[in-house]
Amino acid sequence: MSELDDFLDQAYVGLERLSSADLQRSANAADLPATIRSGIDALPEGEYAQDEAAEAVRELISHDQ
């Protein structure tokens, strides 16, 4: 899922943590596949380090399939 990794790499430049709302706004502005956007939209409210966000989104996507 390199598109997710590429998106997160860009979103986290110079940042340690982002809120789920920040990730959702960035995802809506990016040209991401619907499955990745829906996984990001389903993130519970809170702040995430990049690896935490990647793991959570992957889990949400795999759970929906």
PDB file of N, CA and C in Angstrom:
ATOM      1  N   MET A   1       0.840  -1.176   0.000  1.00  0.00           N
ATOM      2  CA  MET A   1       0.000   0.000   0.000  1.00  0.00           C
ATOM      3  C   MET A   1       0.888   1.242   0.000  1.00  0.00           C
ATOM      4  N   SER A   2       1.665   1.348  -1.025  1.00  0.00           N
ATOM      5  CA  SER A   2       2.635   2.431  -1.094  1.00  0.00           C
ATOM      6  C   SER A   2       1.967   3.806  -1.207  1.00  0.00           C
ATOM      7  N   GLU A   3       0.756   3.869  -1.746  1.00  0.00           N
ATOM      8  CA  GLU A   3       0.067   5.163  -1.827  1.00  0.00           C
ATOM      9  C   GLU A   3      -0.204   5.712  -0.430  1.00  0.00           C
ATOM     10  N   LEU A   4      -0.578   4.843   0.487  1.00  0.00           N
ATOM     11  CA  LEU A   4      -0.791   5.265   1.872  1.00  0.00           C
ATOM     12  C   LEU A   4       0.520   5.740   2.471  1.00  0.00           C
ATOM     13  N   ASP A   5       1.574   4.977   2.288  1.00  0.00           N
ATOM     14  CA  ASP A   5       2.882   5.358   2.827  1.00  0.00           C
ATOM     15  C   ASP A   5       3.363   6.679   2.238  1.00  0.00           C
ATOM     16  N   ASP A   6       3.193   6.864   0.937  1.00  0.00           N
ATOM     17  CA  ASP A   6       3.594   8.115   0.294  1.00  0.00           C
ATOM     18  C   ASP A   6       2.792   9.297   0.855  1.00  0.00           C
ATOM     19  N   PHE A   7       1.490   9.099   1.010  1.00  0.00           N
ATOM     20  CA  PHE A   7       0.640  10.146   1.567  1.00  0.00           C
ATOM     21  C   PHE A   7       1.100  10.509   2.983  1.00  0.00           C
ATOM     22  N   LEU A   8       1.324   9.498   3.811  1.00  0.00           N
ATOM     23  CA  LEU A   8       1.723   9.763   5.194  1.00  0.00           C
ATOM     24  C   LEU A   8       3.103  10.408   5.257  1.00  0.00           C
ATOM     25  N   ASP A   9       4.017   9.977   4.389  1.00  0.00           N
ATOM     26  CA  ASP A   9       5.339  10.612   4.347  1.00  0.00           C
ATOM     27  C   ASP A   9       5.214  12.109   4.094  1.00  0.00           C
ATOM     28  N   GLN A  10       4.342  12.477   3.182  1.00  0.00           N
ATOM     29  CA  GLN A  10       4.154  13.896   2.858  1.00  0.00           C
ATOM     30  C   GLN A  10       3.419  14.634   3.980  1.00  0.00           C
ATOM     31  N   ALA A  11       2.419  13.993   4.561  1.00  0.00           N
ATOM     32  CA  ALA A  11       1.619  14.643   5.602  1.00  0.00           C
ATOM     33  C   ALA A  11       2.435  14.911   6.867  1.00  0.00           C
ATOM     34  N   TYR A  12       3.384  14.028   7.169  1.00  0.00           N
ATOM     35  CA  TYR A  12       4.135  14.133   8.419  1.00  0.00           C
ATOM     36  C   TYR A  12       5.473  14.862   8.289  1.00  0.00           C
ATOM     37  N   VAL A  13       5.747  15.486   7.161  1.00  0.00           N
ATOM     38  CA  VAL A  13       7.021  16.189   6.995  1.00  0.00           C
ATOM     39  C   VAL A  13       7.177  17.219   8.116  1.00  0.00           C
ATOM     40  N   GLY A  14       8.212  17.042   8.916  1.00  0.00           N
ATOM     41  CA  GLY A  14       8.514  17.970  10.000  1.00  0.00           C
ATOM     42  C   GLY A  14       7.605  17.859  11.213  1.00  0.00           C
ATOM     43  N   LEU A  15       6.722  16.872  11.234  1.00  0.00           N
ATOM     44  CA  LEU A  15       5.769  16.719  12.332  1.00  0.00           C
ATOM     45  C   LEU A  15       5.897  15.343  12.969  1.00  0.00           C
ATOM     46  N   GLU A  16       5.689  15.277  14.276  1.00  0.00           N
ATOM     47  CA  GLU A  16       5.732  13.990  14.965  1.00  0.00           C
ATOM     48  C   GLU A  16       4.356  13.358  15.074  1.00  0.00           C
ATOM     49  N   ARG A  17       3.330  14.203  15.261  1.00  0.00           N
ATOM     50  CA  ARG A  17       1.976  13.694  15.439  1.00  0.00           C
ATOM     51  C   ARG A  17       0.999  14.574  14.665  1.00  0.00           C
ATOM     52  N   LEU A  18      -0.071  13.956  14.192  1.00  0.00           N
ATOM     53  CA  LEU A  18      -1.170  14.667  13.543  1.00  0.00           C
ATOM     54  C   LEU A  18      -2.484  14.152  14.115  1.00  0.00           C
ATOM     55  N   SER A  19      -3.462  15.039  14.176  1.00  0.00           N
ATOM     56  CA  SER A  19      -4.783  14.608  14.628  1.00  0.00           C
ATOM     57  C   SER A  19      -5.490  13.869  13.495  1.00  0.00           C
ATOM     58  N   SER A  20      -6.485  13.086  13.866  1.00  0.00           N
ATOM     59  CA  SER A  20      -7.265  12.390  12.845  1.00  0.00           C
ATOM     60  C   SER A  20      -7.940  13.410  11.927  1.00  0.00           C
ATOM     61  N   ALA A  21      -8.363  14.547  12.476  1.00  0.00           N
ATOM     62  CA  ALA A  21      -8.998  15.582  11.655  1.00  0.00           C
ATOM     63  C   ALA A  21      -8.005  16.164  10.643  1.00  0.00           C
ATOM     64  N   ASP A  22      -6.754  16.393  11.067  1.00  0.00           N
ATOM     65  CA  ASP A  22      -5.730  16.885  10.138  1.00  0.00           C
ATOM     66  C   ASP A  22      -5.485  15.870   9.022  1.00  0.00           C
ATOM     67  N   LEU A  23      -5.416  14.594   9.382  1.00  0.00           N
ATOM     68  CA  LEU A  23      -5.204  13.552   8.380  1.00  0.00           C
ATOM     69  C   LEU A  23      -6.386  13.486   7.411  1.00  0.00           C
ATOM     70  N   GLN A  24      -7.595  13.637   7.931  1.00  0.00           N
ATOM     71  CA  GLN A  24      -8.778  13.602   7.073  1.00  0.00           C
ATOM     72  C   GLN A  24      -8.785  14.772   6.097  1.00  0.00           C
ATOM     73  N   ARG A  25      -8.440  15.959   6.577  1.00  0.00           N
ATOM     74  CA  ARG A  25      -8.387  17.126   5.688  1.00  0.00           C
ATOM     75  C   ARG A  25      -7.334  16.935   4.597  1.00  0.00           C
ATOM     76  N   SER A  26      -6.170  16.425   4.985  1.00  0.00           N
ATOM     77  CA  SER A  26      -5.111  16.199   4.010  1.00  0.00           C
ATOM     78  C   SER A  26      -5.506  15.131   3.002  1.00  0.00           C
ATOM     79  N   ALA A  27      -6.165  14.089   3.471  1.00  0.00           N
ATOM     80  CA  ALA A  27      -6.591  13.009   2.586  1.00  0.00           C
ATOM     81  C   ALA A  27      -7.632  13.492   1.589  1.00  0.00           C
ATOM     82  N   ASN A  28      -8.525  14.363   2.036  1.00  0.00           N
ATOM     83  CA  ASN A  28      -9.545  14.892   1.133  1.00  0.00           C
ATOM     84  C   ASN A  28      -8.921  15.770   0.060  1.00  0.00           C
ATOM     85  N   ALA A  29      -7.836  16.454   0.385  1.00  0.00           N
ATOM     86  CA  ALA A  29      -7.160  17.316  -0.583  1.00  0.00           C
ATOM     87  C   ALA A  29      -6.275  16.517  -1.539  1.00  0.00           C
ATOM     88  N   ALA A  30      -5.854  15.329  -1.114  1.00  0.00           N
ATOM     89  CA  ALA A  30      -4.973  14.493  -1.941  1.00  0.00           C
ATOM     90  C   ALA A  30      -5.815  13.628  -2.882  1.00  0.00           C
ATOM     91  N   ASP A  31      -5.177  13.150  -3.912  1.00  0.00           N
ATOM     92  CA  ASP A  31      -5.843  12.283  -4.881  1.00  0.00           C
ATOM     93  C   ASP A  31      -5.594  10.829  -4.483  1.00  0.00           C
ATOM     94  N   LEU A  32      -6.262  10.405  -3.410  1.00  0.00           N
ATOM     95  CA  LEU A  32      -6.077   9.050  -2.893  1.00  0.00           C
ATOM     96  C   LEU A  32      -7.218   8.145  -3.341  1.00  0.00           C
ATOM     97  N   PRO A  33      -6.942   6.860  -3.452  1.00  0.00           N
ATOM     98  CA  PRO A  33      -8.024   5.921  -3.756  1.00  0.00           C
ATOM     99  C   PRO A  33      -9.088   5.956  -2.651  1.00  0.00           C
ATOM    100  N   ALA A  34     -10.305   5.642  -3.008  1.00  0.00           N
ATOM    101  CA  ALA A  34     -11.422   5.700  -2.066  1.00  0.00           C
ATOM    102  C   ALA A  34     -11.207   4.806  -0.855  1.00  0.00           C
ATOM    103  N   THR A  35     -10.590   3.644  -1.033  1.00  0.00           N
ATOM    104  CA  THR A  35     -10.389   2.745   0.106  1.00  0.00           C
ATOM    105  C   THR A  35      -9.471   3.369   1.149  1.00  0.00           C
ATOM    106  N   ILE A  36      -8.427   4.052   0.702  1.00  0.00           N
ATOM    107  CA  ILE A  36      -7.513   4.699   1.649  1.00  0.00           C
ATOM    108  C   ILE A  36      -8.216   5.875   2.326  1.00  0.00           C
ATOM    109  N   ARG A  37      -8.930   6.672   1.561  1.00  0.00           N
ATOM    110  CA  ARG A  37      -9.667   7.803   2.150  1.00  0.00           C
ATOM    111  C   ARG A  37     -10.673   7.323   3.177  1.00  0.00           C
ATOM    112  N   SER A  38     -11.372   6.238   2.876  1.00  0.00           N
ATOM    113  CA  SER A  38     -12.375   5.738   3.827  1.00  0.00           C
ATOM    114  C   SER A  38     -11.706   5.220   5.096  1.00  0.00           C
ATOM    115  N   GLY A  39     -10.525   4.618   4.964  1.00  0.00           N
ATOM    116  CA  GLY A  39      -9.791   4.172   6.152  1.00  0.00           C
ATOM    117  C   GLY A  39      -9.354   5.344   7.011  1.00  0.00           C
ATOM    118  N   ILE A  40      -8.892   6.405   6.377  1.00  0.00           N
ATOM    119  CA  ILE A  40      -8.476   7.600   7.120  1.00  0.00           C
ATOM    120  C   ILE A  40      -9.693   8.268   7.749  1.00  0.00           C
ATOM    121  N   ASP A  41     -10.799   8.322   7.032  1.00  0.00           N
ATOM    122  CA  ASP A  41     -12.020   8.916   7.573  1.00  0.00           C
ATOM    123  C   ASP A  41     -12.543   8.143   8.786  1.00  0.00           C
ATOM    124  N   ALA A  42     -12.246   6.862   8.853  1.00  0.00           N
ATOM    125  CA  ALA A  42     -12.735   6.021   9.952  1.00  0.00           C
ATOM    126  C   ALA A  42     -11.823   6.033  11.183  1.00  0.00           C
ATOM    127  N   LEU A  43     -10.706   6.750  11.109  1.00  0.00           N
ATOM    128  CA  LEU A  43      -9.812   6.823  12.272  1.00  0.00           C
ATOM    129  C   LEU A  43     -10.549   7.421  13.466  1.00  0.00           C
ATOM    130  N   PRO A  44     -10.417   6.794  14.629  1.00  0.00           N
ATOM    131  CA  PRO A  44     -10.994   7.393  15.832  1.00  0.00           C
ATOM    132  C   PRO A  44     -10.322   8.732  16.133  1.00  0.00           C
ATOM    133  N   GLU A  45     -11.046   9.611  16.785  1.00  0.00           N
ATOM    134  CA  GLU A  45     -10.522  10.924  17.143  1.00  0.00           C
ATOM    135  C   GLU A  45      -9.279  10.759  18.011  1.00  0.00           C
ATOM    136  N   GLY A  46      -8.298  11.585  17.754  1.00  0.00           N
ATOM    137  CA  GLY A  46      -7.067  11.551  18.532  1.00  0.00           C
ATOM    138  C   GLY A  46      -5.889  11.965  17.689  1.00  0.00           C
ATOM    139  N   GLU A  47      -4.705  11.863  18.286  1.00  0.00           N
ATOM    140  CA  GLU A  47      -3.467  12.191  17.581  1.00  0.00           C
ATOM    141  C   GLU A  47      -2.696  10.908  17.325  1.00  0.00           C
ATOM    142  N   TYR A  48      -2.003  10.895  16.191  1.00  0.00           N
ATOM    143  CA  TYR A  48      -1.294   9.704  15.742  1.00  0.00           C
ATOM    144  C   TYR A  48       0.115  10.046  15.297  1.00  0.00           C
ATOM    145  N   ALA A  49       1.069   9.218  15.693  1.00  0.00           N
ATOM    146  CA  ALA A  49       2.385   9.242  15.079  1.00  0.00           C
ATOM    147  C   ALA A  49       2.222   8.575  13.714  1.00  0.00           C
ATOM    148  N   GLN A  50       3.170   8.764  12.831  1.00  0.00           N
ATOM    149  CA  GLN A  50       3.034   8.234  11.472  1.00  0.00           C
ATOM    150  C   GLN A  50       2.852   6.723  11.458  1.00  0.00           C
ATOM    151  N   ASP A  51       3.646   5.999  12.235  1.00  0.00           N
ATOM    152  CA  ASP A  51       3.517   4.540  12.236  1.00  0.00           C
ATOM    153  C   ASP A  51       2.188   4.092  12.832  1.00  0.00           C
ATOM    154  N   GLU A  52       1.685   4.819  13.822  1.00  0.00           N
ATOM    155  CA  GLU A  52       0.385   4.500  14.413  1.00  0.00           C
ATOM    156  C   GLU A  52      -0.736   4.716  13.400  1.00  0.00           C
ATOM    157  N   ALA A  53      -0.655   5.821  12.662  1.00  0.00           N
ATOM    158  CA  ALA A  53      -1.670   6.108  11.647  1.00  0.00           C
ATOM    159  C   ALA A  53      -1.660   5.044  10.555  1.00  0.00           C
ATOM    160  N   ALA A  54      -0.476   4.675  10.099  1.00  0.00           N
ATOM    161  CA  ALA A  54      -0.370   3.665   9.042  1.00  0.00           C
ATOM    162  C   ALA A  54      -0.973   2.339   9.503  1.00  0.00           C
ATOM    163  N   GLU A  55      -0.637   1.915  10.705  1.00  0.00           N
ATOM    164  CA  GLU A  55      -1.149   0.651  11.233  1.00  0.00           C
ATOM    165  C   GLU A  55      -2.666   0.702  11.395  1.00  0.00           C
ATOM    166  N   ALA A  56      -3.182   1.803  11.941  1.00  0.00           N
ATOM    167  CA  ALA A  56      -4.619   1.928  12.164  1.00  0.00           C
ATOM    168  C   ALA A  56      -5.387   1.933  10.844  1.00  0.00           C
ATOM    169  N   VAL A  57      -4.894   2.678   9.863  1.00  0.00           N
ATOM    170  CA  VAL A  57      -5.595   2.742   8.572  1.00  0.00           C
ATOM    171  C   VAL A  57      -5.565   1.374   7.891  1.00  0.00           C
ATOM    172  N   ARG A  58      -4.424   0.708   7.913  1.00  0.00           N
ATOM    173  CA  ARG A  58      -4.349  -0.626   7.307  1.00  0.00           C
ATOM    174  C   ARG A  58      -5.326  -1.595   7.976  1.00  0.00           C
ATOM    175  N   GLU A  59      -5.417  -1.520   9.301  1.00  0.00           N
ATOM    176  CA  GLU A  59      -6.339  -2.395  10.023  1.00  0.00           C
ATOM    177  C   GLU A  59      -7.784  -2.083   9.656  1.00  0.00           C
ATOM    178  N   LEU A  60      -8.132  -0.801   9.573  1.00  0.00           N
ATOM    179  CA  LEU A  60      -9.487  -0.417   9.216  1.00  0.00           C
ATOM    180  C   LEU A  60      -9.834  -0.860   7.793  1.00  0.00           C
ATOM    181  N   ILE A  61      -8.879  -0.716   6.889  1.00  0.00           N
ATOM    182  CA  ILE A  61      -9.133  -1.121   5.503  1.00  0.00           C
ATOM    183  C   ILE A  61      -9.313  -2.635   5.399  1.00  0.00           C
ATOM    184  N   SER A  62      -8.454  -3.386   6.077  1.00  0.00           N
ATOM    185  CA  SER A  62      -8.549  -4.846   5.999  1.00  0.00           C
ATOM    186  C   SER A  62      -9.820  -5.354   6.692  1.00  0.00           C
ATOM    187  N   HIS A  63     -10.266  -4.647   7.716  1.00  0.00           N
ATOM    188  CA  HIS A  63     -11.473  -5.021   8.426  1.00  0.00           C
ATOM    189  C   HIS A  63     -12.702  -4.830   7.557  1.00  0.00           C
ATOM    190  N   ASP A  64     -12.680  -3.807   6.691  1.00  0.00           N
ATOM    191  CA  ASP A  64     -13.818  -3.511   5.827  1.00  0.00           C
ATOM    192  C   ASP A  64     -13.909  -4.449   4.623  1.00  0.00           C
ATOM    193  N   GLN A  65     -12.840  -5.142   4.312  1.00  0.00           N
ATOM    194  CA  GLN A  65     -12.856  -5.999   3.118  1.00  0.00           C
ATOM    195  C   GLN A  65     -13.377  -7.368   3.414  1.00  0.00           C
TER     196      GLN A  65
END
